[in-house]
C-alpha atoms as a PDB file:
ATOM      1  CA  MET A   1      12.684  -4.024 -25.838  1.00  0.00           C
ATOM      2  CA  SER A   2      12.803  -0.298 -25.961  1.00  0.00           C
ATOM      3  CA  GLN A   3      12.720   1.839 -22.941  1.00  0.00           C
ATOM      4  CA  PRO A   4       9.116   3.035 -23.249  1.00  0.00           C
ATOM      5  CA  GLU A   5       8.123  -0.598 -23.906  1.00  0.00           C
ATOM      6  CA  SER A   6      10.035  -1.776 -20.681  1.00  0.00           C
ATOM      7  CA  PHE A   7       8.443   0.919 -18.713  1.00  0.00           C
ATOM      8  CA  ALA A   8       5.049   0.069 -19.923  1.00  0.00           C
ATOM      9  CA  ALA A   9       5.581  -3.607 -19.178  1.00  0.00           C
ATOM     10  CA  LEU A  10       6.692  -2.774 -15.620  1.00  0.00           C
ATOM     11  CA  LEU A  11       3.533  -0.686 -14.976  1.00  0.00           C
ATOM     12  CA  ARG A  12       1.242  -3.499 -16.258  1.00  0.00           C
ATOM     13  CA  ALA A  13       3.103  -6.316 -14.386  1.00  0.00           C
ATOM     14  CA  ARG A  14       2.738  -4.564 -11.042  1.00  0.00           C
ATOM     15  CA  ALA A  15      -0.245  -5.673  -8.873  1.00  0.00           C
ATOM     16  CA  SER A  16      -0.957  -5.329  -5.064  1.00  0.00           C
ATOM     17  CA  CYS A  17       0.347  -8.290  -3.424  1.00  0.00           C
ATOM     18  CA  ARG A  18      -1.850  -9.924  -0.681  1.00  0.00           C
ATOM     19  CA  GLY A  19       0.159 -13.004   0.011  1.00  0.00           C
ATOM     20  CA  PHE A  20       3.934 -13.224   0.775  1.00  0.00           C
ATOM     21  CA  LEU A  21       6.509 -15.984   1.493  1.00  0.00           C
ATOM     22  CA  SER A  22       8.184 -15.821   4.934  1.00  0.00           C
ATOM     23  CA  GLU A  23      11.672 -15.414   3.374  1.00  0.00           C
ATOM     24  CA  PRO A  24      12.965 -12.042   4.286  1.00  0.00           C
ATOM     25  CA  VAL A  25      14.324  -9.517   1.680  1.00  0.00           C
ATOM     26  CA  ALA A  26      18.016  -8.531   1.999  1.00  0.00           C
ATOM     27  CA  HIS A  27      18.477  -5.122   3.660  1.00  0.00           C
ATOM     28  CA  GLU A  28      20.601  -3.859   0.671  1.00  0.00           C
ATOM     29  CA  VAL A  29      17.769  -4.586  -1.821  1.00  0.00           C
ATOM     30  CA  ILE A  30      15.196  -2.655   0.163  1.00  0.00           C
ATOM     31  CA  ALA A  31      17.758   0.264   0.510  1.00  0.00           C
ATOM     32  CA  GLU A  32      18.266   0.184  -3.208  1.00  0.00           C
ATOM     33  CA  VAL A  33      14.609   0.474  -3.892  1.00  0.00           C
ATOM     34  CA  LEU A  34      14.397   3.501  -1.412  1.00  0.00           C
ATOM     35  CA  ARG A  35      17.267   5.047  -2.921  1.00  0.00           C
ATOM     36  CA  ASP A  36      15.781   4.873  -6.435  1.00  0.00           C
ATOM     37  CA  ALA A  37      12.384   6.182  -5.321  1.00  0.00           C
ATOM     38  CA  GLN A  38      14.185   9.205  -3.879  1.00  0.00           C
ATOM     39  CA  HIS A  39      14.539  10.480  -7.363  1.00  0.00           C
ATOM     40  CA  VAL A  40      10.787  11.155  -7.996  1.00  0.00           C
ATOM     41  CA  PRO A  41       9.793  14.787  -8.402  1.00  0.00           C
ATOM     42  CA  SER A  42       8.316  16.756  -5.481  1.00  0.00           C
ATOM     43  CA  TRP A  43       6.987  20.221  -4.923  1.00  0.00           C
ATOM     44  CA  CYS A  44       9.914  22.601  -4.831  1.00  0.00           C
ATOM     45  CA  ASN A  45      12.176  19.561  -4.298  1.00  0.00           C
ATOM     46  CA  SER A  46      10.817  19.151  -0.694  1.00  0.00           C
ATOM     47  CA  GLN A  47      11.033  15.535  -0.730  1.00  0.00           C
ATOM     48  CA  PRO A  48       8.541  15.272   2.277  1.00  0.00           C
ATOM     49  CA  TRP A  49       8.379  11.512   2.872  1.00  0.00           C
ATOM     50  CA  GLN A  50       9.866  10.040   5.791  1.00  0.00           C
ATOM     51  CA  VAL A  51      10.212   6.239   5.810  1.00  0.00           C
ATOM     52  CA  THR A  52      10.456   3.937   8.804  1.00  0.00           C
ATOM     53  CA  ALA A  53      11.671   0.565   7.308  1.00  0.00           C
ATOM     54  CA  CYS A  54      11.052  -2.666   9.417  1.00  0.00           C
ATOM     55  CA  GLY A  55      12.974  -5.877   9.232  1.00  0.00           C
ATOM     56  CA  ALA A  56      11.421  -9.223   9.659  1.00  0.00           C
ATOM     57  CA  GLU A  57      11.398  -9.273  13.411  1.00  0.00           C
ATOM     58  CA  GLU A  58      10.010  -5.942  13.865  1.00  0.00           C
ATOM     59  CA  THR A  59       7.412  -6.507  11.188  1.00  0.00           C
ATOM     60  CA  ALA A  60       6.202  -9.612  12.924  1.00  0.00           C
ATOM     61  CA  ARG A  61       5.967  -7.901  16.182  1.00  0.00           C
ATOM     62  CA  LEU A  62       3.904  -5.113  14.728  1.00  0.00           C
ATOM     63  CA  ALA A  63       1.587  -7.363  12.800  1.00  0.00           C
ATOM     64  CA  VAL A  64       0.564  -9.181  15.968  1.00  0.00           C
ATOM     65  CA  ALA A  65       0.151  -5.905  18.050  1.00  0.00           C
ATOM     66  CA  LEU A  66      -1.668  -4.307  15.329  1.00  0.00           C
ATOM     67  CA  TYR A  67      -4.105  -7.073  14.677  1.00  0.00           C
ATOM     68  CA  GLU A  68      -4.901  -7.275  18.339  1.00  0.00           C
ATOM     69  CA  HIS A  69      -5.428  -3.471  18.706  1.00  0.00           C
ATOM     70  CA  VAL A  70      -7.722  -3.169  15.647  1.00  0.00           C
ATOM     71  CA  GLY A  71     -10.058  -5.700  17.330  1.00  0.00           C
ATOM     72  CA  GLN A  72     -10.710  -3.266  20.170  1.00  0.00           C
ATOM     73  CA  ALA A  73     -10.177   0.243  18.628  1.00  0.00           C
ATOM     74  CA  GLY A  74     -12.207   2.617  16.544  1.00  0.00           C
ATOM     75  CA  HIS A  75     -11.074   4.289  13.258  1.00  0.00           C
ATOM     76  CA  ALA A  76      -8.832   7.428  13.727  1.00  0.00           C
ATOM     77  CA  SER A  77      -6.868   8.729  10.872  1.00  0.00           C
ATOM     78  CA  ASP A  78      -4.709  11.990  10.542  1.00  0.00           C
ATOM     79  CA  ILE A  79      -5.902  12.471   7.129  1.00  0.00           C
ATOM     80  CA  ASP A  80      -9.570  12.314   6.275  1.00  0.00           C
ATOM     81  CA  PHE A  81     -10.550   9.124   4.331  1.00  0.00           C
ATOM     82  CA  PRO A  82     -12.815   9.616   1.252  1.00  0.00           C
ATOM     83  CA  SER A  83     -16.423  10.764   2.414  1.00  0.00           C
ATOM     84  CA  ALA A  84     -17.912   8.621  -0.357  1.00  0.00           C
ATOM     85  CA  TYR A  85     -17.275   6.821  -3.616  1.00  0.00           C
ATOM     86  CA  GLU A  86     -19.836   7.580  -6.177  1.00  0.00           C
ATOM     87  CA  ASP A  87     -20.581   6.828  -9.822  1.00  0.00           C
ATOM     88  CA  GLU A  88     -17.617   5.240 -11.755  1.00  0.00           C
ATOM     89  CA  TYR A  89     -15.342   5.455  -8.688  1.00  0.00           C
ATOM     90  CA  LYS A  90     -17.871   3.399  -6.681  1.00  0.00           C
ATOM     91  CA  ALA A  91     -18.141   0.907  -9.626  1.00  0.00           C
ATOM     92  CA  ARG A  92     -14.286   0.484  -9.819  1.00  0.00           C
ATOM     93  CA  ARG A  93     -14.144  -0.032  -6.084  1.00  0.00           C
ATOM     94  CA  ARG A  94     -16.820  -2.696  -5.964  1.00  0.00           C
ATOM     95  CA  GLU A  95     -15.412  -4.496  -8.911  1.00  0.00           C
ATOM     96  CA  CYS A  96     -12.047  -4.752  -7.251  1.00  0.00           C
ATOM     97  CA  GLY A  97     -13.509  -5.875  -3.937  1.00  0.00           C
ATOM     98  CA  TRP A  98     -15.589  -8.694  -5.581  1.00  0.00           C
ATOM     99  CA  GLN A  99     -12.502  -9.729  -7.602  1.00  0.00           C
ATOM    100  CA  LEU A 100     -10.732 -10.292  -4.429  1.00  0.00           C
ATOM    101  CA  TYR A 101     -13.564 -11.976  -2.673  1.00  0.00           C
ATOM    102  CA  GLU A 102     -14.188 -14.362  -5.769  1.00  0.00           C
ATOM    103  CA  ALA A 103     -10.260 -15.241  -5.782  1.00  0.00           C
ATOM    104  CA  VAL A 104     -10.371 -16.260  -2.115  1.00  0.00           C
ATOM    105  CA  GLY A 105     -13.620 -18.063  -2.349  1.00  0.00           C
ATOM    106  CA  ILE A 106     -15.844 -15.549  -0.434  1.00  0.00           C
ATOM    107  CA  GLU A 107     -19.413 -15.465  -1.627  1.00  0.00           C
ATOM    108  CA  LYS A 108     -21.721 -12.467  -1.946  1.00  0.00           C
ATOM    109  CA  GLY A 109     -23.404 -11.782   1.319  1.00  0.00           C
ATOM    110  CA  ASP A 110     -20.721 -13.700   3.476  1.00  0.00           C
ATOM    111  CA  ARG A 111     -20.111 -10.728   5.892  1.00  0.00           C
ATOM    112  CA  VAL A 112     -18.095 -12.948   8.321  1.00  0.00           C
ATOM    113  CA  GLY A 113     -15.782 -13.956   5.460  1.00  0.00           C
ATOM    114  CA  SER A 114     -15.295 -10.525   3.974  1.00  0.00           C
ATOM    115  CA  ALA A 115     -14.588  -8.946   7.402  1.00  0.00           C
ATOM    116  CA  ALA A 116     -11.949 -11.683   8.045  1.00  0.00           C
ATOM    117  CA  GLN A 117     -10.251 -10.875   4.820  1.00  0.00           C
ATOM    118  CA  MET A 118     -10.286  -7.330   5.533  1.00  0.00           C
ATOM    119  CA  ARG A 119      -8.725  -7.804   8.752  1.00  0.00           C
ATOM    120  CA  GLU A 120      -5.723  -9.418   6.977  1.00  0.00           C
ATOM    121  CA  ASN A 121      -4.548  -5.969   6.221  1.00  0.00           C
ATOM    122  CA  PHE A 122      -3.727  -5.721   9.920  1.00  0.00           C
ATOM    123  CA  ARG A 123      -1.570  -9.074   9.694  1.00  0.00           C
ATOM    124  CA  LEU A 124       0.138  -7.037   6.924  1.00  0.00           C
ATOM    125  CA  PHE A 125      -0.742  -9.991   4.758  1.00  0.00           C
ATOM    126  CA  GLY A 126       2.021 -11.967   6.156  1.00  0.00           C
ATOM    127  CA  ALA A 127       4.634  -9.691   4.711  1.00  0.00           C
ATOM    128  CA  PRO A 128       8.101  -9.879   6.107  1.00  0.00           C
ATOM    129  CA  HIS A 129       8.628  -6.247   5.898  1.00  0.00           C
ATOM    130  CA  PHE A 130       6.730  -3.106   6.427  1.00  0.00           C
ATOM    131  CA  LEU A 131       7.485   0.543   5.564  1.00  0.00           C
ATOM    132  CA  LEU A 132       5.595   3.410   7.137  1.00  0.00           C
ATOM    133  CA  ILE A 133       5.281   6.640   5.211  1.00  0.00           C
ATOM    134  CA  THR A 134       4.586   9.909   7.042  1.00  0.00           C
ATOM    135  CA  THR A 135       4.279  13.485   5.683  1.00  0.00           C
ATOM    136  CA  PRO A 136       4.630  16.991   7.065  1.00  0.00           C
ATOM    137  CA  LYS A 137       1.328  18.426   8.291  1.00  0.00           C
ATOM    138  CA  ALA A 138       2.525  21.846   7.147  1.00  0.00           C
ATOM    139  CA  LEU A 139       2.854  20.835   3.526  1.00  0.00           C
ATOM    140  CA  GLY A 140      -0.761  19.746   3.198  1.00  0.00           C
ATOM    141  CA  PRO A 141      -2.127  18.154   0.143  1.00  0.00           C
ATOM    142  CA  TYR A 142       0.930  18.885  -1.846  1.00  0.00           C
ATOM    143  CA  GLY A 143       3.116  16.888   0.628  1.00  0.00           C
ATOM    144  CA  VAL A 144       0.677  13.995   0.386  1.00  0.00           C
ATOM    145  CA  LEU A 145       0.721  14.366  -3.513  1.00  0.00           C
ATOM    146  CA  ASP A 146       4.573  14.072  -3.346  1.00  0.00           C
ATOM    147  CA  CYS A 147       4.545  11.198  -1.039  1.00  0.00           C
ATOM    148  CA  GLY A 148       1.962   9.398  -3.509  1.00  0.00           C
ATOM    149  CA  ALA A 149       4.786   9.593  -6.204  1.00  0.00           C
ATOM    150  CA  PHE A 150       7.274   8.211  -3.873  1.00  0.00           C
ATOM    151  CA  VAL A 151       4.996   5.288  -3.034  1.00  0.00           C
ATOM    152  CA  THR A 152       4.469   4.567  -6.617  1.00  0.00           C
ATOM    153  CA  ALA A 153       8.098   4.470  -7.166  1.00  0.00           C
ATOM    154  CA  VAL A 154       8.781   2.211  -4.360  1.00  0.00           C
ATOM    155  CA  LEU A 155       6.101  -0.206  -5.652  1.00  0.00           C
ATOM    156  CA  LEU A 156       7.510  -0.197  -9.179  1.00  0.00           C
ATOM    157  CA  GLY A 157      11.022  -0.705  -7.911  1.00  0.00           C
ATOM    158  CA  LEU A 158       9.913  -3.759  -5.959  1.00  0.00           C
ATOM    159  CA  GLU A 159       8.246  -5.122  -9.021  1.00  0.00           C
ATOM    160  CA  ALA A 160      11.379  -4.513 -11.041  1.00  0.00           C
ATOM    161  CA  ARG A 161      13.293  -6.662  -8.650  1.00  0.00           C
ATOM    162  CA  GLY A 162      10.747  -9.527  -8.650  1.00  0.00           C
ATOM    163  CA  LEU A 163       9.316  -8.520  -5.200  1.00  0.00           C
ATOM    164  CA  GLY A 164       5.833  -7.900  -4.141  1.00  0.00           C
ATOM    165  CA  GLY A 165       4.331  -4.909  -2.349  1.00  0.00           C
ATOM    166  CA  ILE A 166       1.090  -3.355  -1.462  1.00  0.00           C
ATOM    167  CA  ALA A 167       0.273   0.293  -0.398  1.00  0.00           C
ATOM    168  CA  MET A 168      -1.863   0.214   2.667  1.00  0.00           C
ATOM    169  CA  ALA A 169      -4.197   3.227   3.669  1.00  0.00           C
ATOM    170  CA  SER A 170      -5.766   0.777   6.224  1.00  0.00           C
ATOM    171  CA  VAL A 171      -2.968   1.228   8.663  1.00  0.00           C
ATOM    172  CA  ALA A 172      -3.442   5.048   8.680  1.00  0.00           C
ATOM    173  CA  GLY A 173      -6.896   4.330   9.785  1.00  0.00           C
ATOM    174  CA  PHE A 174      -5.327   3.578  13.175  1.00  0.00           C
ATOM    175  CA  ALA A 175      -2.982   6.564  13.277  1.00  0.00           C
ATOM    176  CA  PRO A 176      -2.818   7.054  17.074  1.00  0.00           C
ATOM    177  CA  PHE A 177      -1.314   3.450  17.399  1.00  0.00           C
ATOM    178  CA  MET A 178       0.888   3.735  14.415  1.00  0.00           C
ATOM    179  CA  ARG A 179       2.182   7.177  15.712  1.00  0.00           C
ATOM    180  CA  ASP A 180       2.962   5.716  19.375  1.00  0.00           C
ATOM    181  CA  TRP A 181       4.467   2.542  17.891  1.00  0.00           C
ATOM    182  CA  PHE A 182       6.878   4.422  15.624  1.00  0.00           C
ATOM    183  CA  ASP A 183       7.260   7.559  17.730  1.00  0.00           C
ATOM    184  CA  VAL A 184       5.983   9.850  14.975  1.00  0.00           C
ATOM    185  CA  GLY A 185       6.116  13.425  15.887  1.00  0.00           C
ATOM    186  CA  ASP A 186       3.038  15.719  16.157  1.00  0.00           C
ATOM    187  CA  ASP A 187       4.251  17.644  13.199  1.00  0.00           C
ATOM    188  CA  ARG A 188       3.700  14.830  10.821  1.00  0.00           C
ATOM    189  CA  ASP A 189       0.735  12.859   9.518  1.00  0.00           C
ATOM    190  CA  VAL A 190       0.603   9.077   9.207  1.00  0.00           C
ATOM    191  CA  LEU A 191      -0.137   8.718   5.565  1.00  0.00           C
ATOM    192  CA  CYS A 192       0.099   4.974   4.672  1.00  0.00           C
ATOM    193  CA  GLY A 193       2.214   1.781   4.906  1.00  0.00           C
ATOM    194  CA  ILE A 194       3.817  -0.505   2.387  1.00  0.00           C
ATOM    195  CA  ALA A 195       3.867  -4.247   3.153  1.00  0.00           C
ATOM    196  CA  LEU A 196       6.532  -6.026   1.043  1.00  0.00           C
ATOM    197  CA  GLY A 197       8.510  -9.193   0.420  1.00  0.00           C
ATOM    198  CA  HIS A 198       8.691 -12.212  -1.958  1.00  0.00           C
ATOM    199  CA  PRO A 199       5.256 -12.771  -3.411  1.00  0.00           C
ATOM    200  CA  ASP A 200       3.488 -15.973  -2.895  1.00  0.00           C
ATOM    201  CA  ARG A 201       2.527 -16.901  -6.482  1.00  0.00           C
ATOM    202  CA  ASP A 202       0.261 -19.604  -5.182  1.00  0.00           C
ATOM    203  CA  ALA A 203      -1.636 -17.383  -2.776  1.00  0.00           C
ATOM    204  CA  ALA A 204      -5.348 -17.225  -3.802  1.00  0.00           C
ATOM    205  CA  ALA A 205      -5.444 -13.493  -3.155  1.00  0.00           C
ATOM    206  CA  ASN A 206      -2.740 -12.842  -5.765  1.00  0.00           C
ATOM    207  CA  ARG A 207      -4.659 -14.637  -8.615  1.00  0.00           C
ATOM    208  CA  PHE A 208      -6.605 -11.673  -9.940  1.00  0.00           C
ATOM    209  CA  ARG A 209      -5.736  -8.491 -11.715  1.00  0.00           C
ATOM    210  CA  THR A 210      -7.892  -5.265 -11.426  1.00  0.00           C
ATOM    211  CA  THR A 211      -8.988  -3.476 -14.782  1.00  0.00           C
ATOM    212  CA  ARG A 212      -7.988  -0.217 -15.900  1.00  0.00           C
ATOM    213  CA  ALA A 213     -10.467   2.548 -17.111  1.00  0.00           C
ATOM    214  CA  PRO A 214     -10.074   3.255 -20.904  1.00  0.00           C
ATOM    215  CA  GLU A 215      -8.589   6.410 -22.132  1.00  0.00           C
ATOM    216  CA  GLY A 216     -11.979   7.916 -22.945  1.00  0.00           C
ATOM    217  CA  GLU A 217     -12.924   7.882 -19.391  1.00  0.00           C
ATOM    218  CA  VAL A 218     -10.057   9.635 -17.876  1.00  0.00           C
ATOM    219  CA  VAL A 219      -8.578  11.971 -20.598  1.00  0.00           C
ATOM    220  CA  THR A 220     -10.165  14.931 -22.348  1.00  0.00           C
ATOM    221  CA  TRP A 221      -8.107  16.083 -25.351  1.00  0.00           C
ATOM    222  CA  ARG A 222      -8.453  19.904 -26.197  1.00  0.00           C
END
């Protein structure tokens, strides 16, 4: 397989993992993934991402505390969440949501079931490891853009090693808690998390794949 073919296969194989085995990942493997991701491009080579990487014990402790906190706290993010999903963006979001609910056996209209599934975000989907990603406030949208490239590289690096991961904006919706838990400075924004580990191939939530828009919807040739 050529390098372009290998790269394309890696992109197509990656999926958001929502069910993990309890077996931890070796520290050095996670460190390798992060070292590889460090080579993504960034604005003026600023490399704005900062990562706090949690081992199995700390991840388990965080998941318990975060789940409890979310049950009694309101949404508060450092970076504004989307104000609305409209047109094709709304359609894609809805399709993804219904694919997940169908996979785990939640019927349309089951608000209790869908809410319970949503709250699995705050158990970190049972992942044995968690990464918190923060970005400097002063770098604004360009720092966020660069961190997005880094997050993508981490997810691809995990996939290349047979591991699973999921980028989590959900945890950034409770930024004050995350800021206090991880002692994040006031000069940085809580951007997202990444839950990771060995994927549970039998987990119902891992049994679907999202679709991708055709080229004609996203590319204009001039």
